[in-house]
Amino acid sequence: MLGIPAPTQLDLNFRLFGIPIRISPFFWLLAAIIGLRYGSGLDRPEDSAVVASCVLVSVLVHELGHGLTARCCGDRPWIVLHGFGGACVSNREAQPFGRRLMIILMGPVAGLLLAIATVSTWAALVAYEIRLPPQAELAMNALLVLNLIYSAFNLIPVWPLDGGQLLLTMLDRLSPRHGARRAHILSFLASGSAAALALAWGGAGNWLLVSLWLGYFAFINFVLLSHYHRIAMAEREGW
């Protein structure tokens, strides 16, 4: 499957709420990079470990939002955390239109709910004048920021992000013959433009990882557009 690495002996496999979950070694690399970049680096490895743990929790909660909703709709989903974040695999296309939209949306919603829970807990602790250790405060701050950013990032109209999947689902509903191709055209233009802007704005700094992500998404949408073009040419020659 595009973007999801094949299983290896180094994967971590377990179940949560009855949903099979696989964590690729590349995910730990991603979490470590973010932890080192936005923690305290090698000077305070414990802070970087806290941020990396918050990355794990945030991505897992996001994917569980998709997975648990899919289960409630009678599906049998499974989750993979990999080097570009995570994916919840299910037979969503077989669901009615409204359920498909709900399954897609519940990923970002789960992240936003975790952010709200984090803020509420933090506010209650402050109200009762309960002081937290520095690393606990770092974890609260990381959970808040990561879930707000990750949820917002996933809603941009770029396939295979949730926003791109929403776009594809709605365009496919409006035009079953051409909707998917149009969604990938818009995704390619949006991701390519955003990658260039992120690289120009941030250079090799904070936006480099975002630029690489978006560049990868532009590439896979270009590959899919090439596939649709070959199909269209084959149909035309057949006529």
C-alpha atoms as a PDB file:
ATOM      1  CA  MET A   1       0.000   0.000   0.000  1.00  0.00           C
ATOM      2  CA  LEU A   2       1.325   3.445  -0.995  1.00  0.00           C
ATOM      3  CA  GLY A   3       3.120   5.193   1.853  1.00  0.00           C
ATOM      4  CA  ILE A   4       2.858   2.284   4.320  1.00  0.00           C
ATOM      5  CA  PRO A   5       6.041   0.234   4.858  1.00  0.00           C
ATOM      6  CA  ALA A   6       5.872  -3.545   4.704  1.00  0.00           C
ATOM      7  CA  PRO A   7       5.910  -5.413   8.038  1.00  0.00           C
ATOM      8  CA  THR A   8       9.332  -6.221   9.501  1.00  0.00           C
ATOM      9  CA  GLN A   9      10.622  -8.160  12.484  1.00  0.00           C
ATOM     10  CA  LEU A  10      11.481  -4.828  14.129  1.00  0.00           C
ATOM     11  CA  ASP A  11       7.853  -3.660  14.210  1.00  0.00           C
ATOM     12  CA  LEU A  12       6.025  -3.268  17.494  1.00  0.00           C
ATOM     13  CA  ASN A  13       2.627  -4.976  17.308  1.00  0.00           C
ATOM     14  CA  PHE A  14      -0.199  -4.760  19.832  1.00  0.00           C
ATOM     15  CA  ARG A  15      -3.932  -4.189  20.138  1.00  0.00           C
ATOM     16  CA  LEU A  16      -5.743  -1.238  21.640  1.00  0.00           C
ATOM     17  CA  PHE A  17      -9.550  -1.187  22.014  1.00  0.00           C
ATOM     18  CA  GLY A  18      -9.573  -4.295  19.842  1.00  0.00           C
ATOM     19  CA  ILE A  19      -7.774  -2.560  16.932  1.00  0.00           C
ATOM     20  CA  PRO A  20      -4.483  -4.081  15.665  1.00  0.00           C
ATOM     21  CA  ILE A  21      -1.670  -1.499  15.773  1.00  0.00           C
ATOM     22  CA  ARG A  22       1.749  -1.757  14.157  1.00  0.00           C
ATOM     23  CA  ILE A  23       4.547   0.726  14.798  1.00  0.00           C
ATOM     24  CA  SER A  24       7.299   0.786  12.190  1.00  0.00           C
ATOM     25  CA  PRO A  25      10.914   1.514  13.208  1.00  0.00           C
ATOM     26  CA  PHE A  26      10.737   4.567  10.938  1.00  0.00           C
ATOM     27  CA  PHE A  27       8.121   6.078  13.228  1.00  0.00           C
ATOM     28  CA  TRP A  28      10.570   6.019  16.136  1.00  0.00           C
ATOM     29  CA  LEU A  29      13.037   7.840  13.888  1.00  0.00           C
ATOM     30  CA  LEU A  30      10.423  10.493  13.101  1.00  0.00           C
ATOM     31  CA  ALA A  31       9.535  10.889  16.791  1.00  0.00           C
ATOM     32  CA  ALA A  32      13.230  11.137  17.712  1.00  0.00           C
ATOM     33  CA  ILE A  33      13.851  13.846  15.093  1.00  0.00           C
ATOM     34  CA  ILE A  34      10.917  15.912  16.344  1.00  0.00           C
ATOM     35  CA  GLY A  35      11.948  15.287  19.946  1.00  0.00           C
ATOM     36  CA  LEU A  36      15.508  16.446  19.322  1.00  0.00           C
ATOM     37  CA  ARG A  37      14.376  19.417  17.251  1.00  0.00           C
ATOM     38  CA  TYR A  38      11.709  20.729  19.577  1.00  0.00           C
ATOM     39  CA  GLY A  39      12.942  19.365  22.895  1.00  0.00           C
ATOM     40  CA  SER A  40      16.276  20.452  24.306  1.00  0.00           C
ATOM     41  CA  GLY A  41      18.346  18.381  21.905  1.00  0.00           C
ATOM     42  CA  LEU A  42      21.297  16.372  23.138  1.00  0.00           C
ATOM     43  CA  ASP A  43      21.880  18.774  26.039  1.00  0.00           C
ATOM     44  CA  ARG A  44      18.781  17.413  27.826  1.00  0.00           C
ATOM     45  CA  PRO A  45      17.886  14.064  26.250  1.00  0.00           C
ATOM     46  CA  GLU A  46      15.143  13.508  28.820  1.00  0.00           C
ATOM     47  CA  ASP A  47      13.251  16.541  27.451  1.00  0.00           C
ATOM     48  CA  SER A  48      13.620  15.244  23.907  1.00  0.00           C
ATOM     49  CA  ALA A  49      12.280  11.864  25.074  1.00  0.00           C
ATOM     50  CA  VAL A  50       9.241  13.615  26.580  1.00  0.00           C
ATOM     51  CA  VAL A  51       8.479  15.386  23.295  1.00  0.00           C
ATOM     52  CA  ALA A  52       9.008  12.148  21.312  1.00  0.00           C
ATOM     53  CA  SER A  53       6.561  10.358  23.645  1.00  0.00           C
ATOM     54  CA  CYS A  54       4.010  13.118  23.054  1.00  0.00           C
ATOM     55  CA  VAL A  55       4.428  12.609  19.297  1.00  0.00           C
ATOM     56  CA  LEU A  56       3.569   8.930  19.781  1.00  0.00           C
ATOM     57  CA  VAL A  57       0.497   9.710  21.894  1.00  0.00           C
ATOM     58  CA  SER A  58      -0.730  12.430  19.523  1.00  0.00           C
ATOM     59  CA  VAL A  59      -0.454  10.390  16.325  1.00  0.00           C
ATOM     60  CA  LEU A  60      -1.929   7.306  17.998  1.00  0.00           C
ATOM     61  CA  VAL A  61      -4.934   9.256  19.344  1.00  0.00           C
ATOM     62  CA  HIS A  62      -5.507  10.754  15.902  1.00  0.00           C
ATOM     63  CA  GLU A  63      -5.525   7.349  14.219  1.00  0.00           C
ATOM     64  CA  LEU A  64      -7.694   5.854  16.952  1.00  0.00           C
ATOM     65  CA  GLY A  65     -10.227   8.583  16.182  1.00  0.00           C
ATOM     66  CA  HIS A  66     -10.492   7.122  12.682  1.00  0.00           C
ATOM     67  CA  GLY A  67     -10.270   3.518  13.843  1.00  0.00           C
ATOM     68  CA  LEU A  68     -12.849   3.588  16.623  1.00  0.00           C
ATOM     69  CA  THR A  69     -15.318   5.407  14.382  1.00  0.00           C
ATOM     70  CA  ALA A  70     -14.764   2.818  11.660  1.00  0.00           C
ATOM     71  CA  ARG A  71     -15.382   0.037  14.191  1.00  0.00           C
ATOM     72  CA  CYS A  72     -18.627   1.686  15.268  1.00  0.00           C
ATOM     73  CA  CYS A  73     -19.630   1.621  11.598  1.00  0.00           C
ATOM     74  CA  GLY A  74     -19.085  -2.137  11.473  1.00  0.00           C
ATOM     75  CA  ASP A  75     -15.629  -2.110   9.904  1.00  0.00           C
ATOM     76  CA  ARG A  76     -12.450  -3.925  11.004  1.00  0.00           C
ATOM     77  CA  PRO A  77      -9.697  -1.297  10.839  1.00  0.00           C
ATOM     78  CA  TRP A  78      -5.994  -1.584  11.587  1.00  0.00           C
ATOM     79  CA  ILE A  79      -3.470   1.146  12.306  1.00  0.00           C
ATOM     80  CA  VAL A  80       0.124   1.662  11.204  1.00  0.00           C
ATOM     81  CA  LEU A  81       2.444   4.352  12.583  1.00  0.00           C
ATOM     82  CA  HIS A  82       5.251   4.950  10.088  1.00  0.00           C
ATOM     83  CA  GLY A  83       7.860   7.467   8.995  1.00  0.00           C
ATOM     84  CA  PHE A  84       5.335  10.030   7.732  1.00  0.00           C
ATOM     85  CA  GLY A  85       2.933   9.861  10.671  1.00  0.00           C
ATOM     86  CA  GLY A  86       0.192   7.257  10.723  1.00  0.00           C
ATOM     87  CA  ALA A  87      -2.542   5.572   8.742  1.00  0.00           C
ATOM     88  CA  CYS A  88      -5.791   3.885   9.688  1.00  0.00           C
ATOM     89  CA  VAL A  89      -6.622   1.267   7.071  1.00  0.00           C
ATOM     90  CA  SER A  90     -10.243   0.228   6.687  1.00  0.00           C
ATOM     91  CA  ASN A  91     -12.846  -0.576   4.068  1.00  0.00           C
ATOM     92  CA  ARG A  92     -14.168   2.967   4.304  1.00  0.00           C
ATOM     93  CA  GLU A  93     -15.095   3.142   0.611  1.00  0.00           C
ATOM     94  CA  ALA A  94     -17.787   0.522   1.201  1.00  0.00           C
ATOM     95  CA  GLN A  95     -19.499   2.767   3.754  1.00  0.00           C
ATOM     96  CA  PRO A  96     -22.309   5.213   2.906  1.00  0.00           C
ATOM     97  CA  PHE A  97     -21.216   8.760   2.066  1.00  0.00           C
ATOM     98  CA  GLY A  98     -22.049  10.256   5.478  1.00  0.00           C
ATOM     99  CA  ARG A  99     -20.186   7.555   7.393  1.00  0.00           C
ATOM    100  CA  ARG A 100     -17.128   7.974   5.189  1.00  0.00           C
ATOM    101  CA  LEU A 101     -17.032  11.673   6.002  1.00  0.00           C
ATOM    102  CA  MET A 102     -17.449  10.952   9.713  1.00  0.00           C
ATOM    103  CA  ILE A 103     -14.619   8.376   9.751  1.00  0.00           C
ATOM    104  CA  ILE A 104     -12.273  10.854   8.041  1.00  0.00           C
ATOM    105  CA  LEU A 105     -13.203  13.788  10.289  1.00  0.00           C
ATOM    106  CA  MET A 106     -12.891  11.922  13.574  1.00  0.00           C
ATOM    107  CA  GLY A 107      -9.094  11.793  13.313  1.00  0.00           C
ATOM    108  CA  PRO A 108      -8.621  15.580  13.591  1.00  0.00           C
ATOM    109  CA  VAL A 109     -11.538  15.763  16.033  1.00  0.00           C
ATOM    110  CA  ALA A 110      -9.821  13.249  18.341  1.00  0.00           C
ATOM    111  CA  GLY A 111      -6.641  15.355  18.266  1.00  0.00           C
ATOM    112  CA  LEU A 112      -8.574  18.525  19.066  1.00  0.00           C
ATOM    113  CA  LEU A 113     -10.354  16.769  21.935  1.00  0.00           C
ATOM    114  CA  LEU A 114      -6.970  15.732  23.357  1.00  0.00           C
ATOM    115  CA  ALA A 115      -5.787  19.347  23.057  1.00  0.00           C
ATOM    116  CA  ILE A 116      -8.914  20.540  24.886  1.00  0.00           C
ATOM    117  CA  ALA A 117      -8.422  17.911  27.594  1.00  0.00           C
ATOM    118  CA  THR A 118      -4.808  19.035  27.997  1.00  0.00           C
ATOM    119  CA  VAL A 119      -5.794  22.702  28.355  1.00  0.00           C
ATOM    120  CA  SER A 120      -8.592  21.839  30.789  1.00  0.00           C
ATOM    121  CA  THR A 121      -6.266  19.748  32.958  1.00  0.00           C
ATOM    122  CA  TRP A 122      -3.609  22.454  32.899  1.00  0.00           C
ATOM    123  CA  ALA A 123      -6.171  25.122  33.843  1.00  0.00           C
ATOM    124  CA  ALA A 124      -7.483  22.999  36.736  1.00  0.00           C
ATOM    125  CA  LEU A 125      -3.953  22.476  38.069  1.00  0.00           C
ATOM    126  CA  VAL A 126      -3.259  26.212  37.894  1.00  0.00           C
ATOM    127  CA  ALA A 127      -6.585  26.996  39.595  1.00  0.00           C
ATOM    128  CA  TYR A 128      -5.718  24.675  42.494  1.00  0.00           C
ATOM    129  CA  GLU A 129      -2.141  26.028  42.574  1.00  0.00           C
ATOM    130  CA  ILE A 130      -0.661  22.603  41.901  1.00  0.00           C
ATOM    131  CA  ARG A 131       2.872  22.933  40.579  1.00  0.00           C
ATOM    132  CA  LEU A 132       4.078  20.408  38.053  1.00  0.00           C
ATOM    133  CA  PRO A 133       7.654  19.225  37.508  1.00  0.00           C
ATOM    134  CA  PRO A 134       9.305  20.901  34.482  1.00  0.00           C
ATOM    135  CA  GLN A 135       9.066  17.772  32.348  1.00  0.00           C
ATOM    136  CA  ALA A 136       5.349  17.406  33.104  1.00  0.00           C
ATOM    137  CA  GLU A 137       4.826  21.012  32.019  1.00  0.00           C
ATOM    138  CA  LEU A 138       6.826  20.292  28.879  1.00  0.00           C
ATOM    139  CA  ALA A 139       4.586  17.292  28.170  1.00  0.00           C
ATOM    140  CA  MET A 140       1.417  19.382  28.613  1.00  0.00           C
ATOM    141  CA  ASN A 141       2.766  22.077  26.314  1.00  0.00           C
ATOM    142  CA  ALA A 142       3.911  19.512  23.709  1.00  0.00           C
ATOM    143  CA  LEU A 143       0.554  17.703  23.714  1.00  0.00           C
ATOM    144  CA  LEU A 144      -1.296  20.979  23.225  1.00  0.00           C
ATOM    145  CA  VAL A 145       0.914  22.290  20.414  1.00  0.00           C
ATOM    146  CA  LEU A 146       1.376  18.955  18.624  1.00  0.00           C
ATOM    147  CA  ASN A 147      -2.338  18.149  18.532  1.00  0.00           C
ATOM    148  CA  LEU A 148      -3.360  21.607  17.369  1.00  0.00           C
ATOM    149  CA  ILE A 149      -0.735  21.610  14.610  1.00  0.00           C
ATOM    150  CA  TYR A 150      -1.245  17.973  13.585  1.00  0.00           C
ATOM    151  CA  SER A 151      -5.036  18.336  13.417  1.00  0.00           C
ATOM    152  CA  ALA A 152      -4.819  21.566  11.402  1.00  0.00           C
ATOM    153  CA  PHE A 153      -2.128  20.147   9.098  1.00  0.00           C
ATOM    154  CA  ASN A 154      -4.242  17.066   8.391  1.00  0.00           C
ATOM    155  CA  LEU A 155      -7.165  19.205   7.267  1.00  0.00           C
ATOM    156  CA  ILE A 156      -5.355  20.896   4.378  1.00  0.00           C
ATOM    157  CA  PRO A 157      -6.782  19.699   1.024  1.00  0.00           C
ATOM    158  CA  VAL A 158      -3.900  17.397   0.093  1.00  0.00           C
ATOM    159  CA  TRP A 159      -4.335  13.653  -0.432  1.00  0.00           C
ATOM    160  CA  PRO A 160      -3.590  11.401   1.511  1.00  0.00           C
ATOM    161  CA  LEU A 161      -4.139  13.794   4.440  1.00  0.00           C
ATOM    162  CA  ASP A 162      -7.626  13.884   5.928  1.00  0.00           C
ATOM    163  CA  GLY A 163      -8.463  17.146   4.162  1.00  0.00           C
ATOM    164  CA  GLY A 164      -7.457  15.612   0.840  1.00  0.00           C
ATOM    165  CA  GLN A 165      -9.522  12.510   1.558  1.00  0.00           C
ATOM    166  CA  LEU A 166     -12.515  14.715   2.352  1.00  0.00           C
ATOM    167  CA  LEU A 167     -11.952  16.554  -0.927  1.00  0.00           C
ATOM    168  CA  LEU A 168     -11.694  13.294  -2.877  1.00  0.00           C
ATOM    169  CA  THR A 169     -14.801  11.830  -1.215  1.00  0.00           C
ATOM    170  CA  MET A 170     -16.905  14.905  -1.992  1.00  0.00           C
ATOM    171  CA  LEU A 171     -15.653  15.354  -5.578  1.00  0.00           C
ATOM    172  CA  ASP A 172     -16.174  11.657  -6.225  1.00  0.00           C
ATOM    173  CA  ARG A 173     -19.725  12.047  -4.965  1.00  0.00           C
ATOM    174  CA  LEU A 174     -20.312  14.982  -7.341  1.00  0.00           C
ATOM    175  CA  SER A 175     -18.549  13.374 -10.317  1.00  0.00           C
ATOM    176  CA  PRO A 176     -17.932   9.614  -9.996  1.00  0.00           C
ATOM    177  CA  ARG A 177     -16.076   9.530 -13.330  1.00  0.00           C
ATOM    178  CA  HIS A 178     -13.711  12.478 -12.869  1.00  0.00           C
ATOM    179  CA  GLY A 179     -13.862  13.330  -9.154  1.00  0.00           C
ATOM    180  CA  ALA A 180     -10.811  11.347  -8.040  1.00  0.00           C
ATOM    181  CA  ARG A 181      -8.615  12.738 -10.834  1.00  0.00           C
ATOM    182  CA  ARG A 182      -9.673  16.304 -10.039  1.00  0.00           C
ATOM    183  CA  ALA A 183      -8.980  15.754  -6.348  1.00  0.00           C
ATOM    184  CA  HIS A 184      -5.446  14.573  -7.127  1.00  0.00           C
ATOM    185  CA  ILE A 185      -4.878  17.558  -9.438  1.00  0.00           C
ATOM    186  CA  LEU A 186      -5.863  19.948  -6.635  1.00  0.00           C
ATOM    187  CA  SER A 187      -3.795  17.954  -4.136  1.00  0.00           C
ATOM    188  CA  PHE A 188      -0.731  18.089  -6.399  1.00  0.00           C
ATOM    189  CA  LEU A 189      -1.044  21.847  -6.913  1.00  0.00           C
ATOM    190  CA  ALA A 190      -1.696  22.537  -3.224  1.00  0.00           C
ATOM    191  CA  SER A 191       1.083  20.312  -1.871  1.00  0.00           C
ATOM    192  CA  GLY A 192       3.651  21.441  -4.448  1.00  0.00           C
ATOM    193  CA  SER A 193       2.933  25.123  -3.844  1.00  0.00           C
ATOM    194  CA  ALA A 194       2.901  24.694  -0.062  1.00  0.00           C
ATOM    195  CA  ALA A 195       6.188  22.733  -0.120  1.00  0.00           C
ATOM    196  CA  ALA A 196       7.871  25.485  -2.123  1.00  0.00           C
ATOM    197  CA  LEU A 197       6.527  28.186   0.203  1.00  0.00           C
ATOM    198  CA  ALA A 198       7.575  26.275   3.330  1.00  0.00           C
ATOM    199  CA  LEU A 199      11.076  25.768   1.947  1.00  0.00           C
ATOM    200  CA  ALA A 200      11.389  29.398   0.860  1.00  0.00           C
ATOM    201  CA  TRP A 201      10.061  30.666   4.197  1.00  0.00           C
ATOM    202  CA  GLY A 202      11.873  28.379   6.594  1.00  0.00           C
ATOM    203  CA  GLY A 203      14.860  27.210   4.571  1.00  0.00           C
ATOM    204  CA  ALA A 204      16.695  24.494   6.464  1.00  0.00           C
ATOM    205  CA  GLY A 205      15.084  25.583   9.744  1.00  0.00           C
ATOM    206  CA  ASN A 206      11.806  24.725  11.417  1.00  0.00           C
ATOM    207  CA  TRP A 207       9.858  24.244   8.163  1.00  0.00           C
ATOM    208  CA  LEU A 208      12.215  21.779   6.485  1.00  0.00           C
ATOM    209  CA  LEU A 209      10.390  18.688   7.767  1.00  0.00           C
ATOM    210  CA  VAL A 210       7.037  20.162   6.698  1.00  0.00           C
ATOM    211  CA  SER A 211       8.458  20.959   3.262  1.00  0.00           C
ATOM    212  CA  LEU A 212       9.733  17.379   2.868  1.00  0.00           C
ATOM    213  CA  TRP A 213       6.345  15.996   3.894  1.00  0.00           C
ATOM    214  CA  LEU A 214       4.489  18.191   1.417  1.00  0.00           C
ATOM    215  CA  GLY A 215       7.008  17.460  -1.327  1.00  0.00           C
ATOM    216  CA  TYR A 216       6.432  13.739  -0.807  1.00  0.00           C
ATOM    217  CA  PHE A 217       2.674  14.251  -1.025  1.00  0.00           C
ATOM    218  CA  ALA A 218       3.123  16.232  -4.265  1.00  0.00           C
ATOM    219  CA  PHE A 219       5.152  13.343  -5.680  1.00  0.00           C
ATOM    220  CA  ILE A 220       2.601  10.618  -4.879  1.00  0.00           C
ATOM    221  CA  ASN A 221      -0.230  12.743  -6.275  1.00  0.00           C
ATOM    222  CA  PHE A 222       1.788  13.248  -9.465  1.00  0.00           C
ATOM    223  CA  VAL A 223       2.296   9.472  -9.688  1.00  0.00           C
ATOM    224  CA  LEU A 224      -1.452   8.896  -9.316  1.00  0.00           C
ATOM    225  CA  LEU A 225      -2.230  11.557 -11.919  1.00  0.00           C
ATOM    226  CA  SER A 226       0.129   9.803 -14.338  1.00  0.00           C
ATOM    227  CA  HIS A 227      -1.789   6.588 -13.674  1.00  0.00           C
ATOM    228  CA  TYR A 228      -5.126   8.278 -14.429  1.00  0.00           C
ATOM    229  CA  HIS A 229      -3.645   9.785 -17.590  1.00  0.00           C
ATOM    230  CA  ARG A 230      -2.534   6.358 -18.827  1.00  0.00           C
ATOM    231  CA  ILE A 231      -6.020   4.977 -18.164  1.00  0.00           C
ATOM    232  CA  ALA A 232      -7.618   7.865 -20.068  1.00  0.00           C
ATOM    233  CA  MET A 233      -5.272   7.391 -23.028  1.00  0.00           C
ATOM    234  CA  ALA A 234      -5.960   3.633 -23.088  1.00  0.00           C
ATOM    235  CA  GLU A 235      -9.726   4.289 -23.100  1.00  0.00           C
ATOM    236  CA  ARG A 236      -9.338   6.826 -25.912  1.00  0.00           C
ATOM    237  CA  GLU A 237      -7.303   4.406 -28.040  1.00  0.00           C
ATOM    238  CA  GLY A 238      -9.891   1.719 -27.339  1.00  0.00           C
ATOM    239  CA  TRP A 239     -12.579   3.947 -28.792  1.00  0.00           C
END
